[in-house]
């Protein structure tokens, strides 16, 4: 039922509630810990469990492309370089990184979209405390406590990071994306 309501938000019964949330979230801080997930179905699908060691944090990131001040020196318009400045990271990936900066003892497990207004996009980030006893003893999530998974969000190992690096497609059609775009270029020299 929750999933169906989020599929077409404007036609669902939670649309009024969502508009009220947007007004409240806009005046709040950019990174805010929440007591429980807004979209429980999505959070559970991405690995969230209602137990010790898991927290959910809402992140607010500006929408749209990057802005750059106009160059004062003479240029023809094409060389001014302030249009279509698209970052290589998605806004969701940026939200995950900012959240990880605020909670250095936690690892980012995953994140999902919870809304947008005219100025911002909002994501909820699922975070895991790698040193919590309940996490270490749970065989389904204890892999995150291993040393090779430290700082995984900064290395593009979350779902949003994988997508941004072009690794969501299978082997065929992504030959220049593996093992990474940079190292693939080195291999071709």
N, C-alpha and C. Protein backbone atom coordinates (compact mmCIF):
# COMPACT_ATOMS: atom_id res chain seq x y z
N UNK A 1 0.82 -1.20 0.00
CA UNK A 1 0.00 0.00 0.00
C UNK A 1 0.87 1.28 0.00
N UNK A 2 1.92 1.25 0.82
CA UNK A 2 2.83 2.40 0.88
C UNK A 2 3.50 2.58 -0.49
N UNK A 3 3.87 1.46 -1.10
CA UNK A 3 4.54 1.49 -2.40
C UNK A 3 3.64 2.10 -3.47
N UNK A 4 2.39 1.70 -3.47
CA UNK A 4 1.44 2.22 -4.47
C UNK A 4 1.21 3.72 -4.31
N UNK A 5 1.18 4.18 -3.05
CA UNK A 5 0.98 5.62 -2.80
C UNK A 5 2.14 6.45 -3.34
N UNK A 6 3.36 5.91 -3.29
CA UNK A 6 4.53 6.65 -3.75
C UNK A 6 4.74 6.56 -5.25
N UNK A 7 4.04 5.60 -5.92
CA UNK A 7 4.21 5.46 -7.37
C UNK A 7 3.68 6.68 -8.12
N UNK A 8 2.50 7.15 -7.73
CA UNK A 8 1.93 8.35 -8.34
C UNK A 8 1.52 9.27 -7.21
N UNK A 9 2.47 10.07 -6.74
CA UNK A 9 2.30 10.84 -5.50
C UNK A 9 1.19 11.88 -5.60
N UNK A 10 1.07 12.53 -6.76
CA UNK A 10 0.08 13.61 -6.89
C UNK A 10 -1.35 13.10 -6.81
N UNK A 11 -1.57 11.85 -7.20
CA UNK A 11 -2.92 11.28 -7.17
C UNK A 11 -3.21 10.51 -5.88
N UNK A 12 -2.19 10.30 -5.06
CA UNK A 12 -2.38 9.49 -3.85
C UNK A 12 -2.92 10.33 -2.69
N UNK A 13 -3.35 9.62 -1.65
CA UNK A 13 -3.95 10.30 -0.48
C UNK A 13 -2.90 10.94 0.43
N UNK A 14 -1.61 10.61 0.22
CA UNK A 14 -0.57 11.20 1.08
C UNK A 14 0.01 12.48 0.50
N UNK A 15 -0.55 12.96 -0.63
CA UNK A 15 0.02 14.14 -1.29
C UNK A 15 -0.05 15.39 -0.40
N UNK A 16 -1.17 15.58 0.29
CA UNK A 16 -1.31 16.73 1.20
C UNK A 16 -0.31 16.68 2.34
N UNK A 17 -0.13 15.48 2.88
CA UNK A 17 0.84 15.27 3.96
C UNK A 17 2.26 15.56 3.46
N UNK A 18 2.53 15.13 2.23
CA UNK A 18 3.87 15.34 1.67
C UNK A 18 4.17 16.82 1.47
N UNK A 19 3.17 17.59 1.06
CA UNK A 19 3.37 19.04 0.89
C UNK A 19 3.67 19.71 2.23
N UNK A 20 2.99 19.28 3.28
CA UNK A 20 3.26 19.80 4.64
C UNK A 20 4.68 19.45 5.07
N UNK A 21 5.09 18.22 4.77
CA UNK A 21 6.46 17.79 5.10
C UNK A 21 7.49 18.68 4.42
N UNK A 22 7.27 18.97 3.14
CA UNK A 22 8.22 19.80 2.39
C UNK A 22 8.43 21.16 3.05
N UNK A 23 7.34 21.76 3.51
CA UNK A 23 7.42 23.08 4.16
C UNK A 23 8.25 22.97 5.44
N UNK A 24 8.02 21.91 6.21
CA UNK A 24 8.76 21.71 7.46
C UNK A 24 10.23 21.40 7.19
N UNK A 25 10.49 20.54 6.20
CA UNK A 25 11.85 20.13 5.90
C UNK A 25 12.69 21.29 5.37
N UNK A 26 12.07 22.18 4.62
CA UNK A 26 12.79 23.30 4.04
C UNK A 26 13.37 24.21 5.11
N UNK A 27 12.61 24.38 6.21
CA UNK A 27 13.08 25.26 7.29
C UNK A 27 14.01 24.54 8.27
N UNK A 28 14.11 23.22 8.16
CA UNK A 28 14.99 22.46 9.05
C UNK A 28 16.43 22.49 8.57
N UNK A 29 17.29 21.71 9.23
CA UNK A 29 18.70 21.67 8.84
C UNK A 29 18.89 20.78 7.62
N UNK A 30 20.03 20.92 6.96
CA UNK A 30 20.25 20.20 5.70
C UNK A 30 20.47 18.71 5.91
N UNK A 31 21.00 18.33 7.05
CA UNK A 31 21.17 16.90 7.38
C UNK A 31 20.56 16.67 8.75
N UNK A 32 19.57 15.80 8.79
CA UNK A 32 18.78 15.62 10.01
C UNK A 32 18.48 14.14 10.22
N UNK A 33 18.78 13.66 11.41
CA UNK A 33 18.47 12.26 11.74
C UNK A 33 16.97 12.12 11.98
N UNK A 34 16.38 11.07 11.42
CA UNK A 34 14.95 10.83 11.60
C UNK A 34 14.74 9.56 12.41
N UNK A 35 13.62 9.53 13.14
CA UNK A 35 13.37 8.41 14.04
C UNK A 35 13.07 7.12 13.29
N UNK A 36 12.25 7.23 12.22
CA UNK A 36 11.92 6.05 11.42
C UNK A 36 11.82 6.45 9.95
N UNK A 37 11.99 5.50 9.04
CA UNK A 37 11.96 5.85 7.61
C UNK A 37 10.62 6.40 7.16
N UNK A 38 10.66 7.36 6.24
CA UNK A 38 9.43 7.91 5.65
C UNK A 38 8.81 6.88 4.71
N UNK A 39 9.64 6.18 3.98
CA UNK A 39 9.17 5.13 3.05
C UNK A 39 9.69 3.79 3.56
N UNK A 40 8.93 3.16 4.43
CA UNK A 40 9.37 1.93 5.08
C UNK A 40 9.61 0.81 4.08
N UNK A 41 8.74 0.71 3.07
CA UNK A 41 8.90 -0.35 2.07
C UNK A 41 10.23 -0.23 1.32
N UNK A 42 10.57 1.00 0.94
CA UNK A 42 11.82 1.24 0.19
C UNK A 42 13.03 0.99 1.09
N UNK A 43 12.96 1.46 2.33
CA UNK A 43 14.07 1.28 3.26
C UNK A 43 14.35 -0.20 3.51
N UNK A 44 13.29 -0.98 3.70
CA UNK A 44 13.47 -2.41 3.96
C UNK A 44 14.02 -3.13 2.72
N UNK A 45 13.58 -2.70 1.55
CA UNK A 45 14.09 -3.30 0.31
C UNK A 45 15.58 -3.03 0.13
N UNK A 46 16.06 -1.91 0.68
CA UNK A 46 17.47 -1.53 0.54
C UNK A 46 18.33 -2.00 1.71
N UNK A 47 17.76 -2.77 2.63
CA UNK A 47 18.57 -3.38 3.69
C UNK A 47 18.34 -2.87 5.09
N UNK A 48 17.42 -1.92 5.29
CA UNK A 48 17.17 -1.38 6.63
C UNK A 48 16.48 -2.41 7.52
N UNK A 49 16.90 -2.46 8.78
CA UNK A 49 16.24 -3.29 9.79
C UNK A 49 16.01 -2.43 11.02
N UNK A 50 14.89 -2.62 11.68
CA UNK A 50 14.57 -1.84 12.88
C UNK A 50 15.27 -2.47 14.08
N UNK A 51 16.58 -2.31 14.14
CA UNK A 51 17.36 -2.88 15.24
C UNK A 51 18.54 -1.97 15.52
N UNK A 52 19.25 -2.25 16.58
CA UNK A 52 20.40 -1.44 16.96
C UNK A 52 21.46 -1.41 15.89
N UNK A 53 22.08 -0.25 15.71
CA UNK A 53 23.15 -0.11 14.74
C UNK A 53 22.71 0.51 13.43
N UNK A 54 21.40 0.54 13.18
CA UNK A 54 20.86 1.17 11.97
C UNK A 54 20.26 2.52 12.31
N UNK A 55 20.57 3.54 11.52
CA UNK A 55 19.89 4.82 11.66
C UNK A 55 19.51 5.33 10.26
N UNK A 56 18.55 6.25 10.22
CA UNK A 56 18.12 6.86 8.97
C UNK A 56 18.33 8.36 9.10
N UNK A 57 18.97 8.96 8.10
CA UNK A 57 19.28 10.39 8.10
C UNK A 57 18.72 11.01 6.82
N UNK A 58 18.00 12.12 6.98
CA UNK A 58 17.47 12.82 5.80
C UNK A 58 18.45 13.90 5.37
N UNK A 59 18.77 13.93 4.08
CA UNK A 59 19.71 14.92 3.54
C UNK A 59 19.00 15.80 2.52
N UNK A 60 19.34 17.07 2.55
CA UNK A 60 18.76 18.05 1.62
C UNK A 60 19.88 18.59 0.73
N UNK A 61 19.69 18.47 -0.58
CA UNK A 61 20.71 18.92 -1.54
C UNK A 61 20.04 19.79 -2.59
N UNK A 62 20.73 20.83 -3.05
CA UNK A 62 20.15 21.72 -4.04
C UNK A 62 19.91 20.98 -5.35
N UNK A 63 18.90 21.43 -6.07
CA UNK A 63 18.55 20.81 -7.34
C UNK A 63 19.29 21.47 -8.50
N UNK A 64 19.29 20.80 -9.64
CA UNK A 64 19.78 21.41 -10.88
C UNK A 64 21.27 21.31 -11.06
N UNK A 65 21.75 21.90 -12.15
CA UNK A 65 23.16 21.87 -12.49
C UNK A 65 23.97 22.85 -11.67
N UNK A 66 25.26 22.88 -11.92
CA UNK A 66 26.16 23.78 -11.20
C UNK A 66 26.11 25.18 -11.80
N UNK A 67 26.27 26.17 -10.98
CA UNK A 67 26.35 27.55 -11.46
C UNK A 67 27.78 28.06 -11.32
N UNK A 68 28.17 28.93 -12.23
CA UNK A 68 29.53 29.47 -12.21
C UNK A 68 29.43 30.94 -12.57
N UNK A 69 30.16 31.82 -11.90
CA UNK A 69 30.07 33.25 -12.24
C UNK A 69 30.60 33.51 -13.65
N UNK A 70 30.05 34.52 -14.26
CA UNK A 70 30.44 34.86 -15.63
C UNK A 70 31.87 35.39 -15.66
N UNK A 71 32.63 35.00 -16.65
CA UNK A 71 34.02 35.44 -16.81
C UNK A 71 34.01 36.90 -17.28
N UNK A 72 34.85 37.74 -16.65
CA UNK A 72 34.85 39.16 -16.99
C UNK A 72 35.62 39.44 -18.28
N UNK A 73 36.65 38.64 -18.55
CA UNK A 73 37.45 38.87 -19.76
C UNK A 73 36.67 38.53 -21.02
N UNK A 74 37.16 39.02 -22.16
CA UNK A 74 36.47 38.80 -23.43
C UNK A 74 36.58 37.37 -23.91
N UNK A 75 35.49 36.80 -24.28
CA UNK A 75 35.42 35.46 -24.86
C UNK A 75 34.25 35.44 -25.84
N UNK A 76 34.32 34.57 -26.80
CA UNK A 76 33.10 34.31 -27.55
C UNK A 76 32.20 33.43 -26.67
N UNK A 77 30.92 33.54 -26.81
CA UNK A 77 30.01 32.87 -25.87
C UNK A 77 30.29 31.39 -25.64
N UNK A 78 30.69 30.71 -26.70
CA UNK A 78 30.93 29.27 -26.58
C UNK A 78 32.04 28.96 -25.58
N UNK A 79 33.04 29.81 -25.47
CA UNK A 79 34.20 29.56 -24.61
C UNK A 79 34.03 30.12 -23.20
N UNK A 80 32.90 30.69 -22.90
CA UNK A 80 32.72 31.28 -21.57
C UNK A 80 32.60 30.21 -20.48
N UNK A 81 32.07 29.05 -20.86
CA UNK A 81 32.06 27.90 -19.94
C UNK A 81 31.24 28.09 -18.69
N UNK A 82 30.01 28.57 -18.83
CA UNK A 82 29.16 28.57 -17.64
C UNK A 82 27.78 27.99 -17.92
N UNK A 83 27.60 27.39 -19.07
CA UNK A 83 26.36 26.67 -19.35
C UNK A 83 26.61 25.16 -19.35
N UNK A 84 25.61 24.44 -18.99
CA UNK A 84 25.64 22.97 -19.03
C UNK A 84 26.80 22.40 -18.23
N UNK A 85 27.05 22.94 -17.06
CA UNK A 85 28.10 22.42 -16.18
C UNK A 85 27.49 21.34 -15.31
N UNK A 86 27.52 20.12 -15.79
CA UNK A 86 26.89 19.01 -15.08
C UNK A 86 27.93 18.30 -14.24
N UNK A 87 27.70 18.12 -12.94
CA UNK A 87 28.68 17.39 -12.13
C UNK A 87 28.72 15.92 -12.49
N UNK A 88 29.86 15.28 -12.25
CA UNK A 88 29.99 13.86 -12.57
C UNK A 88 29.31 12.98 -11.53
N UNK A 89 28.98 13.55 -10.39
CA UNK A 89 28.26 12.81 -9.36
C UNK A 89 26.80 13.19 -9.40
N UNK A 90 25.94 12.23 -9.12
CA UNK A 90 24.51 12.53 -9.03
C UNK A 90 24.23 13.26 -7.71
N UNK A 91 23.10 13.92 -7.65
CA UNK A 91 22.71 14.64 -6.43
C UNK A 91 22.53 13.65 -5.27
N UNK A 92 22.04 12.45 -5.58
CA UNK A 92 21.87 11.42 -4.55
C UNK A 92 23.21 11.01 -3.97
N UNK A 93 24.21 10.85 -4.81
CA UNK A 93 25.55 10.48 -4.36
C UNK A 93 26.14 11.59 -3.48
N UNK A 94 25.93 12.84 -3.87
CA UNK A 94 26.39 13.98 -3.08
C UNK A 94 25.73 13.97 -1.70
N UNK A 95 24.43 13.66 -1.66
CA UNK A 95 23.68 13.58 -0.39
C UNK A 95 24.26 12.51 0.52
N UNK A 96 24.62 11.35 -0.06
CA UNK A 96 25.21 10.26 0.71
C UNK A 96 26.56 10.67 1.30
N UNK A 97 27.37 11.35 0.51
CA UNK A 97 28.70 11.76 0.97
C UNK A 97 28.61 12.78 2.10
N UNK A 98 27.70 13.73 1.97
CA UNK A 98 27.54 14.75 3.01
C UNK A 98 27.06 14.14 4.32
N UNK A 99 26.20 13.15 4.20
CA UNK A 99 25.72 12.46 5.39
C UNK A 99 26.86 11.68 6.06
N UNK A 100 27.68 11.03 5.24
CA UNK A 100 28.82 10.28 5.77
C UNK A 100 29.81 11.19 6.49
N UNK A 101 29.96 12.43 6.00
CA UNK A 101 30.83 13.41 6.66
C UNK A 101 30.33 13.75 8.06
N UNK A 102 29.02 13.82 8.20
CA UNK A 102 28.42 14.18 9.49
C UNK A 102 28.47 13.04 10.51
N UNK A 103 28.50 11.80 10.03
CA UNK A 103 28.50 10.62 10.92
C UNK A 103 29.72 9.76 10.59
N UNK A 104 30.91 10.16 11.07
CA UNK A 104 32.14 9.46 10.66
C UNK A 104 32.27 8.03 11.20
N UNK A 105 31.52 7.68 12.25
CA UNK A 105 31.61 6.32 12.78
C UNK A 105 30.65 5.35 12.08
N UNK A 106 29.88 5.84 11.11
CA UNK A 106 28.89 5.02 10.42
C UNK A 106 29.29 4.82 8.96
N UNK A 107 28.72 3.76 8.37
CA UNK A 107 28.91 3.51 6.94
C UNK A 107 27.57 3.67 6.24
N UNK A 108 27.59 4.23 5.03
CA UNK A 108 26.38 4.38 4.23
C UNK A 108 26.05 3.04 3.61
N UNK A 109 24.84 2.55 3.87
CA UNK A 109 24.38 1.30 3.26
C UNK A 109 23.71 1.58 1.93
N UNK A 110 22.77 2.53 1.93
CA UNK A 110 22.04 2.86 0.71
C UNK A 110 21.23 4.12 0.95
N UNK A 111 20.51 4.60 -0.05
CA UNK A 111 19.67 5.78 0.11
C UNK A 111 18.52 5.74 -0.89
N UNK A 112 17.50 6.54 -0.62
CA UNK A 112 16.34 6.58 -1.50
C UNK A 112 15.72 7.97 -1.46
N UNK A 113 14.99 8.29 -2.52
CA UNK A 113 14.35 9.59 -2.72
C UNK A 113 13.12 9.72 -1.83
N UNK A 114 12.95 10.91 -1.20
CA UNK A 114 11.74 11.15 -0.40
C UNK A 114 10.99 12.41 -0.79
N UNK A 115 11.50 13.19 -1.72
CA UNK A 115 10.74 14.36 -2.15
C UNK A 115 11.61 15.46 -2.73
N UNK A 116 10.94 16.44 -3.29
CA UNK A 116 11.63 17.61 -3.83
C UNK A 116 10.69 18.79 -3.84
N UNK A 117 11.26 19.99 -3.76
CA UNK A 117 10.49 21.22 -3.95
C UNK A 117 11.21 22.03 -5.03
N UNK A 118 10.91 23.30 -5.12
CA UNK A 118 11.50 24.11 -6.19
C UNK A 118 13.00 24.26 -6.09
N UNK A 119 13.55 24.15 -4.90
CA UNK A 119 14.97 24.46 -4.67
C UNK A 119 15.81 23.25 -4.29
N UNK A 120 15.22 22.28 -3.61
CA UNK A 120 15.98 21.16 -3.04
C UNK A 120 15.41 19.80 -3.42
N UNK A 121 16.28 18.79 -3.33
CA UNK A 121 15.85 17.39 -3.36
C UNK A 121 16.18 16.78 -2.01
N UNK A 122 15.34 15.86 -1.56
CA UNK A 122 15.51 15.23 -0.26
C UNK A 122 15.70 13.73 -0.42
N UNK A 123 16.70 13.21 0.28
CA UNK A 123 16.98 11.77 0.26
C UNK A 123 17.10 11.30 1.71
N UNK A 124 16.69 10.07 1.95
CA UNK A 124 16.94 9.44 3.24
C UNK A 124 18.05 8.42 3.06
N UNK A 125 19.05 8.52 3.90
CA UNK A 125 20.25 7.68 3.80
C UNK A 125 20.23 6.68 4.95
N UNK A 126 20.36 5.39 4.63
CA UNK A 126 20.42 4.34 5.65
C UNK A 126 21.88 4.18 6.04
N UNK A 127 22.15 4.32 7.33
CA UNK A 127 23.52 4.23 7.82
C UNK A 127 23.64 3.12 8.85
N UNK A 128 24.83 2.51 8.90
CA UNK A 128 25.07 1.37 9.78
C UNK A 128 26.29 1.65 10.63
N UNK A 129 26.17 1.40 11.95
CA UNK A 129 27.30 1.55 12.87
C UNK A 129 28.13 0.27 12.80
N UNK A 130 29.33 0.36 12.22
CA UNK A 130 30.12 -0.85 11.96
C UNK A 130 30.65 -1.51 13.23
N UNK A 131 30.66 -0.79 14.36
CA UNK A 131 31.19 -1.37 15.60
C UNK A 131 30.09 -1.77 16.58
N UNK A 132 28.84 -1.69 16.17
CA UNK A 132 27.73 -2.05 17.06
C UNK A 132 27.65 -3.58 17.19
N UNK A 133 27.49 -4.10 18.43
CA UNK A 133 27.47 -5.56 18.62
C UNK A 133 26.40 -6.29 17.81
N UNK A 134 25.23 -5.67 17.64
CA UNK A 134 24.16 -6.31 16.87
C UNK A 134 24.50 -6.40 15.38
N UNK A 135 25.29 -5.47 14.90
CA UNK A 135 25.70 -5.50 13.49
C UNK A 135 26.78 -6.56 13.28
N UNK A 136 27.73 -6.61 14.20
CA UNK A 136 28.85 -7.55 14.07
C UNK A 136 28.37 -9.00 14.13
N UNK A 137 27.33 -9.28 14.93
CA UNK A 137 26.84 -10.66 15.09
C UNK A 137 25.80 -11.06 14.06
N UNK A 138 25.24 -10.10 13.31
CA UNK A 138 24.23 -10.40 12.28
C UNK A 138 24.94 -10.78 10.98
N UNK A 139 24.80 -12.04 10.55
CA UNK A 139 25.55 -12.53 9.40
C UNK A 139 25.16 -11.86 8.08
N UNK A 140 23.94 -11.28 8.02
CA UNK A 140 23.51 -10.68 6.76
C UNK A 140 24.07 -9.27 6.55
N UNK A 141 24.58 -8.62 7.61
CA UNK A 141 25.09 -7.25 7.48
C UNK A 141 26.51 -7.10 8.04
N UNK A 142 27.06 -8.15 8.64
CA UNK A 142 28.38 -8.03 9.29
C UNK A 142 29.50 -7.74 8.29
N UNK A 143 29.27 -7.97 6.99
CA UNK A 143 30.28 -7.67 5.97
C UNK A 143 30.69 -6.20 5.99
N UNK A 144 29.78 -5.31 6.42
CA UNK A 144 30.05 -3.87 6.39
C UNK A 144 31.09 -3.47 7.44
N UNK A 145 31.30 -4.34 8.45
CA UNK A 145 32.28 -4.05 9.50
C UNK A 145 33.70 -4.40 9.08
N UNK A 146 33.86 -5.09 7.96
CA UNK A 146 35.20 -5.49 7.49
C UNK A 146 35.97 -4.27 6.98
N UNK A 147 37.30 -4.29 7.13
CA UNK A 147 38.08 -3.08 6.83
C UNK A 147 38.00 -2.60 5.38
N UNK A 148 37.77 -3.52 4.43
CA UNK A 148 37.72 -3.10 3.02
C UNK A 148 36.47 -2.30 2.68
N UNK A 149 35.50 -2.27 3.60
CA UNK A 149 34.27 -1.53 3.35
C UNK A 149 34.22 -0.18 4.06
N UNK A 150 35.34 0.26 4.59
CA UNK A 150 35.39 1.59 5.19
C UNK A 150 35.36 2.65 4.11
N UNK A 151 34.57 3.69 4.33
CA UNK A 151 34.50 4.80 3.38
C UNK A 151 33.99 4.38 2.01
N UNK A 152 33.06 3.43 1.97
CA UNK A 152 32.59 2.90 0.68
C UNK A 152 31.88 3.95 -0.16
N UNK A 153 31.23 4.93 0.51
CA UNK A 153 30.50 5.96 -0.24
C UNK A 153 31.46 6.86 -1.03
N UNK A 154 32.66 7.09 -0.48
CA UNK A 154 33.63 7.96 -1.15
C UNK A 154 34.29 7.28 -2.34
N UNK A 155 34.18 5.97 -2.41
CA UNK A 155 34.77 5.21 -3.51
C UNK A 155 33.73 4.75 -4.52
N UNK A 156 32.51 5.25 -4.37
CA UNK A 156 31.46 4.93 -5.33
C UNK A 156 30.98 3.50 -5.26
N UNK A 157 30.90 2.94 -4.05
CA UNK A 157 30.49 1.54 -3.89
C UNK A 157 29.05 1.38 -3.43
N UNK A 158 28.34 2.48 -3.24
CA UNK A 158 26.91 2.39 -2.94
C UNK A 158 26.16 2.28 -4.27
N UNK A 159 24.86 2.07 -4.18
CA UNK A 159 24.06 1.90 -5.39
C UNK A 159 24.10 3.15 -6.27
N UNK A 160 23.99 4.33 -5.66
CA UNK A 160 24.05 5.59 -6.41
C UNK A 160 25.43 5.79 -7.02
N UNK A 161 26.48 5.36 -6.32
CA UNK A 161 27.84 5.45 -6.82
C UNK A 161 28.07 4.54 -8.02
N UNK A 162 27.55 3.32 -7.92
CA UNK A 162 27.66 2.37 -9.03
C UNK A 162 26.99 2.93 -10.28
N UNK A 163 25.83 3.54 -10.10
CA UNK A 163 25.10 4.08 -11.24
C UNK A 163 25.88 5.24 -11.86
N UNK A 164 26.44 6.11 -11.02
CA UNK A 164 27.21 7.25 -11.50
C UNK A 164 28.48 6.84 -12.24
N UNK A 165 29.03 5.69 -11.89
CA UNK A 165 30.25 5.21 -12.54
C UNK A 165 29.96 4.38 -13.79
N UNK A 166 28.68 4.21 -14.12
CA UNK A 166 28.30 3.49 -15.32
C UNK A 166 28.41 1.99 -15.20
N UNK A 167 28.26 1.47 -13.98
CA UNK A 167 28.44 0.03 -13.75
C UNK A 167 27.12 -0.72 -13.61
N UNK A 168 26.00 -0.04 -13.82
CA UNK A 168 24.70 -0.70 -13.70
C UNK A 168 24.41 -1.61 -14.90
N UNK A 169 24.95 -1.24 -16.08
CA UNK A 169 24.75 -2.09 -17.25
C UNK A 169 25.64 -3.32 -17.12
N UNK A 170 25.30 -4.37 -17.82
CA UNK A 170 26.08 -5.60 -17.76
C UNK A 170 27.42 -5.44 -18.46
N UNK A 171 28.07 -6.54 -18.72
CA UNK A 171 29.40 -6.49 -19.33
C UNK A 171 29.35 -5.89 -20.74
N UNK A 172 28.33 -6.28 -21.52
CA UNK A 172 28.25 -5.75 -22.87
C UNK A 172 27.71 -4.33 -22.83
N UNK A 173 28.34 -3.44 -23.54
CA UNK A 173 27.89 -2.05 -23.59
C UNK A 173 28.55 -1.16 -22.55
N UNK A 174 29.37 -1.74 -21.67
CA UNK A 174 30.05 -0.90 -20.67
C UNK A 174 31.53 -1.24 -20.63
N UNK A 175 32.09 -1.54 -21.79
CA UNK A 175 33.48 -2.01 -21.84
C UNK A 175 34.48 -0.94 -21.40
N UNK A 176 34.11 0.35 -21.53
CA UNK A 176 35.03 1.41 -21.13
C UNK A 176 34.80 1.89 -19.71
N UNK A 177 33.87 1.25 -18.99
CA UNK A 177 33.58 1.64 -17.62
C UNK A 177 34.27 0.75 -16.60
N UNK A 178 34.81 -0.37 -17.04
CA UNK A 178 35.38 -1.34 -16.10
C UNK A 178 36.88 -1.46 -16.30
N UNK A 179 37.66 -1.66 -15.23
CA UNK A 179 37.29 -1.70 -13.82
C UNK A 179 36.84 -0.35 -13.30
N UNK A 180 37.32 0.73 -13.89
CA UNK A 180 36.79 2.06 -13.63
C UNK A 180 37.11 2.89 -14.87
N UNK A 181 36.46 4.03 -15.01
CA UNK A 181 36.66 4.85 -16.21
C UNK A 181 38.12 5.31 -16.30
N UNK A 182 38.69 5.68 -15.16
CA UNK A 182 40.07 6.18 -15.15
C UNK A 182 41.07 5.07 -15.48
N UNK A 183 40.94 3.93 -14.80
CA UNK A 183 41.91 2.86 -15.04
C UNK A 183 41.75 2.24 -16.41
N UNK A 184 40.54 2.27 -16.96
CA UNK A 184 40.34 1.76 -18.30
C UNK A 184 41.06 2.63 -19.32
N UNK A 185 41.07 3.94 -19.07
CA UNK A 185 41.82 4.84 -19.94
C UNK A 185 43.31 4.57 -19.88
N UNK A 186 43.81 4.23 -18.67
CA UNK A 186 45.23 3.92 -18.52
C UNK A 186 45.59 2.64 -19.29
N UNK A 187 44.67 1.67 -19.25
CA UNK A 187 44.92 0.41 -19.94
C UNK A 187 45.02 0.59 -21.44
N UNK A 188 44.38 1.64 -21.98
CA UNK A 188 44.35 1.86 -23.41
C UNK A 188 45.53 2.69 -23.91
N UNK A 189 46.39 3.19 -23.02
CA UNK A 189 47.52 4.02 -23.46
C UNK A 189 48.55 3.22 -24.20
